[in-house]
Protein backbone atom coordinates (compact mmCIF):
# COMPACT_ATOMS: atom_id res chain seq x y z
CA MET A 1 -102.41 67.27 -124.27
CA LEU A 2 -103.53 70.84 -123.67
CA TRP A 3 -101.46 73.22 -121.56
CA LEU A 4 -102.48 76.50 -120.00
CA GLY A 5 -99.78 79.11 -119.56
CA VAL A 6 -100.20 81.61 -116.70
CA HIS A 7 -98.00 84.70 -116.90
CA LEU A 8 -97.94 87.24 -114.04
CA PRO A 9 -96.63 90.49 -115.58
CA ALA A 10 -96.64 92.46 -112.32
CA PHE A 11 -95.45 89.62 -110.11
CA GLY A 12 -92.35 91.31 -108.67
CA LEU A 13 -94.19 94.47 -107.59
CA GLU A 14 -97.16 92.48 -106.31
CA VAL A 15 -94.94 90.36 -104.08
CA ALA A 16 -92.90 93.33 -102.86
CA THR A 17 -96.07 95.20 -101.87
CA GLY A 18 -97.90 92.19 -100.46
CA GLY A 19 -100.48 92.37 -103.25
CA MET A 20 -102.04 95.42 -101.61
CA LEU A 21 -101.47 97.91 -104.44
CA PRO A 22 -104.62 99.52 -105.83
CA ALA A 23 -106.07 97.62 -108.77
CA ARG A 24 -106.32 99.13 -112.23
CA GLU A 25 -109.49 100.96 -113.11
CA LYS A 26 -109.52 99.02 -116.40
CA PRO A 27 -108.52 95.40 -117.02
CA LEU A 28 -105.31 94.45 -118.74
CA PRO A 29 -105.41 94.92 -122.52
CA ALA A 30 -106.77 91.83 -124.23
CA SER A 31 -105.90 92.85 -127.77
CA ASP A 32 -103.59 90.74 -129.86
CA THR A 33 -101.48 93.70 -131.00
CA ASP A 34 -99.80 95.00 -127.86
CA THR A 35 -97.10 97.63 -128.09
CA PRO A 36 -93.49 96.64 -127.28
CA ALA A 37 -93.88 98.07 -123.81
CA ALA A 38 -97.17 96.29 -123.10
CA GLU A 39 -95.71 93.74 -120.69
CA GLU A 40 -93.85 96.34 -118.67
CA GLN A 41 -96.88 98.63 -118.78
CA ALA A 42 -99.03 95.82 -117.36
CA ALA A 43 -96.55 95.48 -114.51
CA GLY A 44 -97.56 98.81 -113.03
CA HIS A 45 -100.63 99.26 -110.87
CA ALA A 46 -102.51 102.49 -110.75
CA SER A 47 -100.90 104.12 -107.73
CA ALA A 48 -100.50 107.78 -106.89
CA GLN A 49 -96.91 107.36 -105.69
CA PRO A 50 -94.21 106.45 -108.24
CA MET A 51 -92.83 103.06 -107.27
CA VAL A 52 -90.04 100.93 -108.73
CA LEU A 53 -88.69 97.46 -108.06
CA VAL A 54 -84.89 97.45 -107.88
CA ARG A 55 -82.24 94.77 -108.26
CA ASP A 56 -78.52 95.60 -108.08
CA GLN A 57 -79.35 99.32 -108.26
CA ARG A 58 -81.28 98.78 -111.52
CA VAL A 59 -85.01 99.21 -112.10
CA VAL A 60 -86.61 95.90 -113.07
CA ALA A 61 -90.27 97.00 -112.87
CA CYS A 62 -92.25 100.16 -112.23
CA ASN A 63 -95.83 101.24 -111.81
CA ASP A 64 -97.82 103.47 -114.17
CA THR A 65 -97.09 106.64 -112.21
CA ALA A 66 -93.34 106.07 -112.41
CA ARG A 67 -93.57 105.26 -116.12
CA ALA A 68 -95.50 108.46 -116.80
CA LEU A 69 -92.56 110.37 -115.30
CA GLY A 70 -90.13 108.77 -117.74
CA ILE A 71 -88.82 105.85 -115.68
CA ALA A 72 -88.41 102.52 -117.48
CA PRO A 73 -87.04 99.07 -116.63
CA GLY A 74 -83.30 99.06 -117.12
CA ASN A 75 -82.76 102.56 -115.73
CA SER A 76 -80.36 102.95 -112.85
CA LEU A 77 -81.82 103.87 -109.50
CA ALA A 78 -79.90 107.16 -109.65
CA THR A 79 -81.56 108.04 -112.97
CA ALA A 80 -84.99 107.17 -111.55
CA ARG A 81 -84.35 109.37 -108.51
CA SER A 82 -83.28 112.26 -110.72
CA LEU A 83 -86.66 112.12 -112.45
CA THR A 84 -88.64 112.00 -109.19
CA PRO A 85 -86.34 113.34 -106.47
CA ASP A 86 -88.91 113.62 -103.68
CA THR A 87 -91.69 111.10 -104.17
CA LEU A 88 -90.07 107.98 -105.65
CA ARG A 89 -90.30 104.82 -103.58
CA HIS A 90 -88.00 101.93 -104.42
CA LEU A 91 -88.43 98.34 -103.24
CA GLN A 92 -85.74 95.68 -103.29
CA GLN A 93 -86.53 92.52 -105.21
CA ASN A 94 -86.64 89.49 -102.91
CA ASP A 95 -86.04 86.19 -104.72
CA GLU A 96 -86.89 84.01 -101.72
CA ARG A 97 -90.20 85.76 -101.13
CA GLU A 98 -91.09 85.55 -104.81
CA SER A 99 -90.28 81.82 -104.88
CA ARG A 100 -92.52 81.17 -101.88
CA ARG A 101 -95.36 83.16 -103.36
CA LEU A 102 -95.11 81.44 -106.75
CA ALA A 103 -95.17 78.05 -105.02
CA LEU A 104 -98.28 79.11 -103.08
CA LEU A 105 -100.01 80.22 -106.28
CA ALA A 106 -99.17 76.87 -107.86
CA ASP A 107 -100.71 75.19 -104.80
CA VAL A 108 -103.90 77.20 -105.33
CA LEU A 109 -104.02 76.38 -109.06
CA TYR A 110 -103.65 72.69 -108.21
CA ARG A 111 -107.43 72.64 -107.93
CA PHE A 112 -107.60 73.00 -111.74
CA SER A 113 -105.06 70.35 -112.70
CA ALA A 114 -103.00 67.55 -111.18
CA GLU A 115 -100.01 68.59 -113.34
CA VAL A 116 -98.79 72.04 -112.32
CA SER A 117 -95.25 73.18 -113.05
CA LEU A 118 -93.39 76.33 -111.99
CA VAL A 119 -91.62 78.59 -114.49
CA PRO A 120 -89.88 81.27 -112.38
CA PRO A 121 -89.89 84.15 -111.90
CA GLY A 122 -93.54 84.74 -112.76
CA GLY A 123 -94.90 81.83 -114.76
CA ILE A 124 -96.92 78.66 -114.17
CA VAL A 125 -98.07 76.02 -116.66
CA LEU A 126 -100.92 73.55 -116.12
CA GLU A 127 -101.97 70.52 -118.14
CA VAL A 128 -105.72 71.11 -118.44
CA GLY A 129 -106.76 68.65 -121.15
CA ARG A 130 -107.97 66.18 -118.53
CA SER A 131 -109.92 68.87 -116.65
CA LEU A 132 -112.14 70.13 -119.46
CA LYS A 133 -115.04 67.77 -118.69
CA LEU A 134 -115.08 69.02 -115.12
CA PHE A 135 -115.06 72.72 -115.99
CA GLY A 136 -117.06 72.55 -119.22
CA ASN A 137 -114.70 74.10 -121.76
CA VAL A 138 -111.40 75.93 -122.07
CA GLN A 139 -112.86 79.41 -121.67
CA ALA A 140 -114.72 78.51 -118.48
CA LEU A 141 -111.53 77.08 -117.00
CA VAL A 142 -109.50 80.13 -118.08
CA ASP A 143 -112.05 82.45 -116.48
CA GLN A 144 -111.83 80.60 -113.17
CA VAL A 145 -108.03 80.63 -113.20
CA ASN A 146 -108.02 84.39 -113.88
CA THR A 147 -110.57 84.97 -111.12
CA ALA A 148 -108.53 82.96 -108.60
CA CYS A 149 -105.37 84.91 -109.43
CA ALA A 150 -107.21 88.24 -109.21
CA GLU A 151 -108.72 87.39 -105.81
CA LEU A 152 -105.23 86.61 -104.56
CA GLY A 153 -104.00 90.02 -105.73
CA HIS A 154 -102.27 89.08 -108.99
CA GLN A 155 -102.86 90.16 -112.56
CA ALA A 156 -102.66 87.15 -114.85
CA ARG A 157 -102.45 86.52 -118.58
CA THR A 158 -103.51 83.02 -119.61
CA ARG A 159 -103.34 81.23 -122.95
CA PRO A 160 -103.88 77.57 -123.93
CA ALA A 161 -101.56 75.72 -126.31
CA ALA A 162 -100.40 72.24 -127.24
CA THR A 163 -97.03 72.55 -125.44
CA PRO A 164 -96.04 74.21 -122.14
CA LEU A 165 -93.48 76.51 -123.77
CA ALA A 166 -95.98 77.62 -126.40
CA ALA A 167 -98.68 78.29 -123.80
CA LEU A 168 -96.31 80.42 -121.73
CA ALA A 169 -95.00 82.28 -124.80
CA LEU A 170 -98.55 83.13 -125.89
CA ALA A 171 -99.43 84.28 -122.37
CA ARG A 172 -96.36 86.53 -122.16
CA ALA A 173 -96.99 88.04 -125.60
CA ASN A 174 -100.78 88.09 -125.11
CA VAL A 175 -101.35 86.98 -128.72
CA PRO A 176 -103.45 84.09 -130.14
CA ALA A 177 -100.85 82.45 -132.40
CA LEU A 178 -97.15 81.61 -132.13
CA PRO A 179 -96.07 83.36 -135.37
CA GLN A 180 -97.07 86.71 -133.78
CA VAL A 181 -94.83 86.27 -130.72
CA ARG A 182 -91.86 88.64 -130.66
CA LEU A 183 -88.51 87.02 -130.07
CA ASP A 184 -87.74 89.26 -127.09
CA GLN A 185 -90.79 87.75 -125.35
CA LEU A 186 -89.33 84.23 -125.46
CA ALA A 187 -87.07 82.69 -122.84
CA LEU A 188 -83.97 83.31 -124.98
CA PRO A 189 -80.64 84.88 -124.02
CA ALA A 190 -80.45 88.59 -124.78
CA LYS A 191 -77.41 88.10 -127.01
CA THR A 192 -79.28 85.54 -129.12
CA VAL A 193 -82.23 87.89 -129.55
CA GLU A 194 -79.83 90.67 -130.54
CA ARG A 195 -78.10 88.49 -133.15
CA LEU A 196 -81.45 87.45 -134.60
CA GLY A 197 -82.53 91.08 -134.72
CA ASN A 198 -79.39 91.98 -136.65
CA MET A 199 -80.46 89.35 -139.19
CA GLY A 200 -83.85 91.07 -139.53
CA LEU A 201 -85.73 88.44 -137.48
CA THR A 202 -88.08 89.89 -134.89
CA THR A 203 -90.98 87.41 -134.67
CA LEU A 204 -91.27 83.70 -134.07
CA GLY A 205 -93.11 83.29 -137.38
CA GLN A 206 -90.07 84.55 -139.27
CA LEU A 207 -87.75 82.29 -137.29
CA LEU A 208 -89.77 79.10 -137.82
CA THR A 209 -89.55 79.45 -141.62
CA LEU A 210 -85.77 78.98 -141.53
CA PRO A 211 -84.09 75.56 -141.85
CA ARG A 212 -83.66 74.02 -138.42
CA ARG A 213 -80.29 72.43 -139.18
CA GLU A 214 -78.72 75.73 -140.24
CA LEU A 215 -80.09 77.43 -137.14
CA ALA A 216 -78.53 74.72 -134.97
CA GLN A 217 -75.18 75.20 -136.68
CA ARG A 218 -75.24 78.95 -136.14
CA PHE A 219 -76.89 79.22 -132.70
CA GLY A 220 -76.20 75.82 -131.16
CA ARG A 221 -78.10 72.63 -130.49
CA ASP A 222 -79.71 73.96 -127.32
CA PHE A 223 -81.36 76.70 -129.36
CA ALA A 224 -82.69 74.21 -131.89
CA ALA A 225 -83.90 71.90 -129.12
CA TYR A 226 -85.76 74.84 -127.54
CA LEU A 227 -87.62 75.48 -130.80
CA GLU A 228 -88.48 71.79 -131.10
CA ARG A 229 -89.95 71.71 -127.58
CA LEU A 230 -91.81 74.93 -128.31
CA THR A 231 -93.46 73.51 -131.45
CA GLY A 232 -94.01 70.01 -130.06
CA GLU A 233 -91.47 68.25 -132.26
CA ARG A 234 -89.61 67.09 -129.14
CA PRO A 235 -91.09 65.97 -125.78
CA ASP A 236 -90.90 68.51 -122.97
CA PRO A 237 -91.41 66.63 -119.66
CA ARG A 238 -92.06 68.95 -116.73
CA PRO A 239 -91.44 68.49 -112.98
CA CYS A 240 -94.81 68.84 -111.28
CA ILE A 241 -95.37 70.25 -107.83
CA GLN A 242 -96.33 68.17 -104.83
CA PRO A 243 -99.10 70.00 -102.95
CA THR A 244 -98.17 71.11 -99.46
CA ARG A 245 -99.92 69.65 -96.43
CA HIS A 246 -99.91 72.77 -94.28
CA PHE A 247 -100.89 76.39 -94.83
CA ALA A 248 -98.85 79.25 -93.38
CA GLU A 249 -98.55 82.62 -95.12
CA THR A 250 -97.10 85.94 -93.99
CA LEU A 251 -98.09 89.33 -95.37
CA HIS A 252 -95.35 91.98 -95.11
CA LEU A 253 -96.72 95.52 -95.20
CA LEU A 254 -95.12 98.63 -96.65
CA GLU A 255 -96.48 100.98 -93.99
CA PRO A 256 -97.25 100.34 -90.31
CA LEU A 257 -100.93 99.90 -89.48
CA ARG A 258 -102.15 101.37 -86.22
CA ASP A 259 -105.87 100.81 -86.61
CA LYS A 260 -107.82 97.56 -86.49
CA ALA A 261 -110.04 98.73 -89.35
CA ALA A 262 -106.93 99.03 -91.53
CA VAL A 263 -105.72 95.57 -90.49
CA GLN A 264 -108.90 93.79 -91.56
CA PRO A 265 -108.44 94.19 -95.37
CA CYS A 266 -104.99 92.61 -95.02
CA MET A 267 -106.48 89.76 -93.01
CA HIS A 268 -109.14 89.34 -95.69
CA ARG A 269 -106.42 88.95 -98.34
CA LEU A 270 -104.80 86.14 -96.37
CA LEU A 271 -108.16 84.47 -95.72
CA THR A 272 -108.99 84.55 -99.44
CA THR A 273 -105.72 82.76 -100.16
CA LEU A 274 -106.48 80.19 -97.46
CA SER A 275 -109.98 79.61 -98.84
CA HIS A 276 -108.65 78.84 -102.32
CA TRP A 277 -106.00 76.56 -100.83
CA LEU A 278 -108.58 74.61 -98.81
CA ILE A 279 -111.02 74.27 -101.71
CA GLY A 280 -108.28 72.84 -103.90
CA ARG A 281 -107.62 70.10 -101.34
CA GLN A 282 -111.22 69.46 -100.28
CA LEU A 283 -110.35 70.43 -96.71
CA GLY A 284 -111.76 72.62 -93.99
CA ALA A 285 -110.01 74.29 -91.05
CA GLU A 286 -111.25 74.22 -87.46
CA VAL A 287 -108.59 76.54 -85.99
CA LEU A 288 -106.85 79.65 -87.33
CA ARG A 289 -103.80 81.16 -85.67
CA TRP A 290 -103.03 84.81 -86.38
CA THR A 291 -99.78 86.54 -85.50
CA PHE A 292 -99.40 90.33 -85.67
CA GLY A 293 -95.97 91.83 -85.27
CA THR A 294 -93.54 94.59 -85.99
CA HIS A 295 -91.12 94.07 -88.85
CA ALA A 296 -88.37 91.48 -88.43
CA ALA A 297 -85.79 94.02 -89.60
CA ARG A 298 -86.04 95.75 -86.25
CA SER A 299 -83.79 94.79 -83.40
CA PRO A 300 -85.01 91.73 -81.44
CA GLU A 301 -85.50 93.87 -78.33
CA THR A 302 -88.13 96.03 -80.02
CA VAL A 303 -90.04 93.33 -81.93
CA THR A 304 -93.52 92.76 -80.53
CA ARG A 305 -95.74 89.88 -81.58
CA VAL A 306 -99.33 89.17 -80.59
CA SER A 307 -101.02 85.84 -81.33
CA MET A 308 -104.74 85.34 -81.75
CA THR A 309 -106.41 81.93 -82.04
CA VAL A 310 -109.81 81.62 -83.73
CA ARG A 311 -111.74 78.37 -83.27
CA PHE A 312 -114.79 77.05 -85.09
CA ALA A 313 -117.38 74.56 -83.90
CA GLN A 314 -117.10 72.80 -87.26
CA ALA A 315 -114.58 73.00 -90.10
CA GLN A 316 -114.93 76.01 -92.40
CA ARG A 317 -113.37 76.93 -95.74
CA GLU A 318 -115.17 80.05 -97.00
CA THR A 319 -113.60 83.49 -96.65
CA ALA A 320 -116.78 85.07 -95.26
CA ALA A 321 -117.08 82.50 -92.46
CA PHE A 322 -113.42 82.94 -91.49
CA ALA A 323 -113.57 86.74 -91.68
CA ALA A 324 -116.72 87.17 -89.57
CA ILE A 325 -115.41 85.25 -86.54
CA SER A 326 -111.86 86.61 -86.93
CA ALA A 327 -113.25 90.16 -86.84
CA LEU A 328 -115.12 89.43 -83.60
CA LYS A 329 -111.99 87.98 -82.06
CA LEU A 330 -109.89 90.91 -83.28
CA SER A 331 -112.17 93.40 -81.52
CA ALA A 332 -111.15 91.90 -78.15
CA THR A 333 -107.43 91.57 -78.97
CA GLU A 334 -104.80 94.17 -78.14
CA LEU A 335 -102.52 94.60 -81.17
CA PRO A 336 -98.96 95.97 -81.26
CA GLU A 337 -98.62 99.72 -81.63
CA ASP A 338 -97.67 99.38 -85.29
CA VAL A 339 -98.39 96.22 -87.29
CA LEU A 340 -95.93 95.55 -90.10
CA ASP A 341 -96.45 91.85 -90.74
CA ILE A 342 -99.43 89.52 -90.41
CA ARG A 343 -99.13 85.75 -90.40
CA LEU A 344 -101.93 83.22 -90.82
CA GLU A 345 -101.68 79.50 -90.08
CA ALA A 346 -104.45 76.95 -90.56
CA GLN A 347 -104.63 74.21 -87.95
CA ARG A 348 -106.77 71.13 -87.37
CA LEU A 349 -107.54 70.46 -91.03
CA ARG A 350 -110.45 68.12 -91.73
CA ALA A 351 -111.80 66.45 -94.86
CA TRP A 352 -114.56 68.65 -96.27
CA LYS A 353 -118.11 67.31 -96.19
CA ASP A 354 -120.31 69.60 -98.21
CA GLN A 355 -123.65 68.62 -96.71
CA PRO A 356 -126.56 71.00 -95.99
CA THR A 357 -127.70 71.33 -92.41
CA THR A 358 -131.31 72.11 -93.34
CA LEU A 359 -133.87 70.40 -95.57
CA PHE A 360 -134.10 73.45 -97.85
CA PRO A 361 -130.73 75.26 -97.62
CA GLU A 362 -131.53 77.50 -100.57
CA LEU A 363 -134.32 79.08 -98.52
CA GLU A 364 -131.91 79.70 -95.65
CA GLY A 365 -129.28 81.36 -97.82
CA GLY A 366 -126.93 78.37 -97.55
CA PRO A 367 -125.98 75.98 -94.77
CA ALA A 368 -123.87 78.49 -92.86
CA ARG A 369 -126.55 81.11 -92.23
CA GLY A 370 -128.34 80.63 -88.94
CA SER A 371 -126.73 77.28 -88.20
CA PRO A 372 -126.07 76.32 -84.56
CA ALA A 373 -122.33 76.08 -85.32
CA THR A 374 -122.27 79.72 -86.47
CA LEU A 375 -123.99 80.86 -83.27
CA VAL A 376 -121.52 78.89 -81.14
CA ASP A 377 -118.57 80.44 -83.05
CA GLN A 378 -119.93 83.95 -82.49
CA LEU A 379 -120.54 83.37 -78.77
CA ASP A 380 -117.08 81.88 -78.30
CA ALA A 381 -115.43 84.79 -80.13
CA ARG A 382 -117.36 87.42 -78.14
CA LEU A 383 -117.24 85.83 -74.68
CA GLY A 384 -113.72 84.45 -74.84
CA ASP A 385 -112.10 81.04 -74.60
CA GLY A 386 -113.80 78.65 -72.21
CA ALA A 387 -117.16 80.42 -72.22
CA CYS A 388 -118.72 77.85 -74.56
CA LEU A 389 -118.36 74.14 -73.86
CA ARG A 390 -119.34 70.98 -75.69
CA LEU A 391 -120.47 67.65 -74.28
CA THR A 392 -118.16 64.72 -74.99
CA THR A 393 -118.65 61.04 -74.27
CA LEU A 394 -116.33 58.80 -72.25
CA ASP A 395 -115.93 55.05 -72.33
CA ARG A 396 -117.58 54.36 -68.96
CA HIS A 397 -120.40 52.02 -67.96
CA ALA A 398 -122.01 54.21 -65.30
CA PRO A 399 -124.14 56.86 -67.07
CA GLU A 400 -123.08 59.58 -64.59
CA GLN A 401 -119.44 58.98 -65.60
CA ALA A 402 -119.98 58.58 -69.35
CA GLY A 403 -119.95 62.27 -70.28
CA GLN A 404 -118.12 65.49 -69.52
CA SER A 405 -117.96 69.09 -70.68
CA ALA A 406 -114.91 70.27 -72.59
CA GLY A 407 -113.70 73.21 -74.65
CA LEU A 408 -114.89 73.72 -78.21
CA ASN A 409 -111.54 72.69 -79.61
CA THR A 410 -111.44 69.38 -77.70
CA ARG A 411 -111.65 66.29 -79.85
CA GLN A 412 -112.09 62.89 -78.26
CA ALA A 413 -113.08 59.54 -79.64
CA ALA A 414 -116.74 58.98 -78.89
CA ALA A 415 -117.89 55.88 -77.07
CA PRO A 416 -120.45 53.65 -78.78
CA ALA A 417 -123.94 55.09 -78.64
CA PRO A 418 -126.09 53.58 -75.85
CA LEU A 419 -128.94 51.36 -76.91
CA GLY A 420 -131.61 52.76 -74.61
CA ARG A 421 -133.07 56.24 -74.23
CA ARG A 422 -131.12 58.81 -72.25
CA PRO A 423 -132.43 62.02 -70.66
CA LEU A 424 -130.78 65.33 -71.39
CA TRP A 425 -130.76 66.30 -67.70
CA LEU A 426 -128.74 63.74 -65.75
CA PHE A 427 -127.92 64.15 -62.05
CA PRO A 428 -124.23 63.96 -61.03
CA ALA A 429 -125.25 61.26 -58.55
CA PRO A 430 -128.52 59.24 -58.43
CA ARG A 431 -131.13 60.27 -55.82
CA PRO A 432 -133.21 57.78 -53.80
CA VAL A 433 -136.89 57.73 -54.71
CA ARG A 434 -139.99 55.82 -53.51
CA VAL A 435 -141.21 53.35 -56.13
CA ASP A 436 -144.85 53.99 -55.20
CA ASN A 437 -144.39 57.58 -56.49
CA LEU A 438 -143.57 56.25 -59.99
CA VAL A 439 -145.50 54.90 -62.94
CA LEU A 440 -143.17 52.73 -65.04
CA LEU A 441 -143.57 53.17 -68.82
CA GLU A 442 -140.60 51.50 -70.51
CA GLY A 443 -137.91 49.07 -69.45
CA PRO A 444 -136.04 47.49 -68.01
CA GLU A 445 -132.64 48.22 -69.58
CA ARG A 446 -129.81 46.55 -67.66
CA ILE A 447 -126.44 48.29 -67.27
CA GLN A 448 -123.62 46.30 -65.70
CA GLY A 449 -119.91 46.88 -65.35
CA HIS A 450 -116.94 47.98 -63.28
CA TRP A 451 -116.45 44.48 -61.87
CA TRP A 452 -112.77 45.29 -61.34
CA ASP A 453 -113.43 48.45 -59.33
CA ASN A 454 -116.90 49.17 -57.97
CA PRO A 455 -119.33 46.63 -59.47
CA LEU A 456 -122.72 47.95 -60.54
CA SER A 457 -125.86 46.25 -61.82
CA ARG A 458 -128.87 48.44 -62.53
CA ASP A 459 -132.21 48.01 -64.27
CA TYR A 460 -133.29 51.34 -65.81
CA PHE A 461 -136.88 52.40 -66.58
CA VAL A 462 -138.58 55.36 -68.20
CA ALA A 463 -141.21 56.49 -65.73
CA VAL A 464 -143.59 59.29 -64.85
CA HIS A 465 -143.24 60.81 -61.38
CA ARG A 466 -146.21 61.61 -59.25
CA GLY A 467 -145.69 65.29 -60.06
CA GLY A 468 -146.16 64.55 -63.79
CA THR A 469 -142.54 64.79 -64.92
CA ARG A 470 -141.01 62.18 -67.23
CA CYS A 471 -137.93 60.71 -65.58
CA TRP A 472 -135.24 58.04 -65.77
CA VAL A 473 -135.05 55.69 -62.79
CA PHE A 474 -133.34 52.44 -61.88
CA VAL A 475 -133.37 49.74 -59.22
CA ASP A 476 -130.09 48.25 -57.98
CA GLN A 477 -129.19 44.81 -56.66
CA THR A 478 -130.45 45.66 -53.18
CA GLY A 479 -133.90 46.63 -54.44
CA GLN A 480 -133.40 50.36 -53.80
CA TRP A 481 -134.91 52.69 -56.40
CA TYR A 482 -133.11 55.82 -57.59
CA LEU A 483 -134.02 58.84 -59.70
CA HIS A 484 -131.21 59.56 -62.19
CA GLY A 485 -132.51 62.29 -64.51
CA TYR A 486 -135.38 64.08 -66.25
CA PHE A 487 -136.42 64.05 -69.90
CA ALA A 488 -136.99 67.41 -71.59
């Protein structure tokens, strides 16, 4: 088996800020000789304002600006404020929000492996040995995992290994081999790491050279069992996630947004997450429901929420397709005075059928560009609900009762396709016509039914009228001829 460990060094800050912190100008260090503060240093985004993540009045993470001012994880909030009395911003760590976000990331990474396991607070492991033929090789798969995490607003360190614990340890330490991993980067109690340090042991390579039995006697069987799972000497079964069936994600903002142009990047972040989620499940969404509101911490009397529904003529899953129509709909929607949270729900999910709509889609720039469905989506978004209708079929014998117009979001089981030809222009009710004004071309096609209500029996013909138009006519049981529609 081959496991891929995914470590998110800035996970707490990314969740607390909604993933909207500015990205680093340079990527995370990829060297195998990081400094002791490399993990904490990676946890800070390049941001002008010093920012810290706080738990129980203690700093658990900080950005680069705060670190440059002398703040470090472990400091008290009072100490951090004394170093930056006017500009420091502190955010409370939210375990529930972090758990939901980690579960969502695992859902997204499910597209790379059927065995995905959570390692809170900021770790995920995937069994990727069975996926290598699909993605080509380990490096190609790693690149796609890193890209997916980056597009969702998360820095990620990834490393493959033979066991899940080893893969995660290598990802945390950002080194190629287990002997180089420092003991303080393992999932060990702080007291155990301190005792090992007092013995002169600082790396995993030094620890693994010692007799396992003596280590178990001094540090306990759980410690020895951990090392055996880490090195593969003992099985390490993992509980795997069950992918969710519905998508609903809320983005909580640090500052109120009062401009639609400022809201759109936040919407784009949510749509990117949705796109990855849909691709992993081979699904498309026909309806999106947006909710914009003031923060829930306000009193219920002052909370304002505005909902916006975006519909598509056919299921979509790409961010660009979602964003284009959502932007058109947003332009006609009145938002709250200050938007502090944005929620996105995907509705009417459909199995994805990746089929081109043109003979040469590469010449059209892909199936979405210029397709009739895209035009219908744009018209519906600009003109409002109910402006665009679709034709649906009904299970009726009489042709004038077999179809109706309905909204774009209406779905109804289609009746069996008629055997004969049907004109596009059909009259609501047949009109009497003189047979000597017609030249019959095709037919007859008999349509019978409604014996329980209003019996009908008609013989339909394709004909040419005296004026030269191609029409659809029929004769009933009484011998009366009727004109029922025109062909285009």
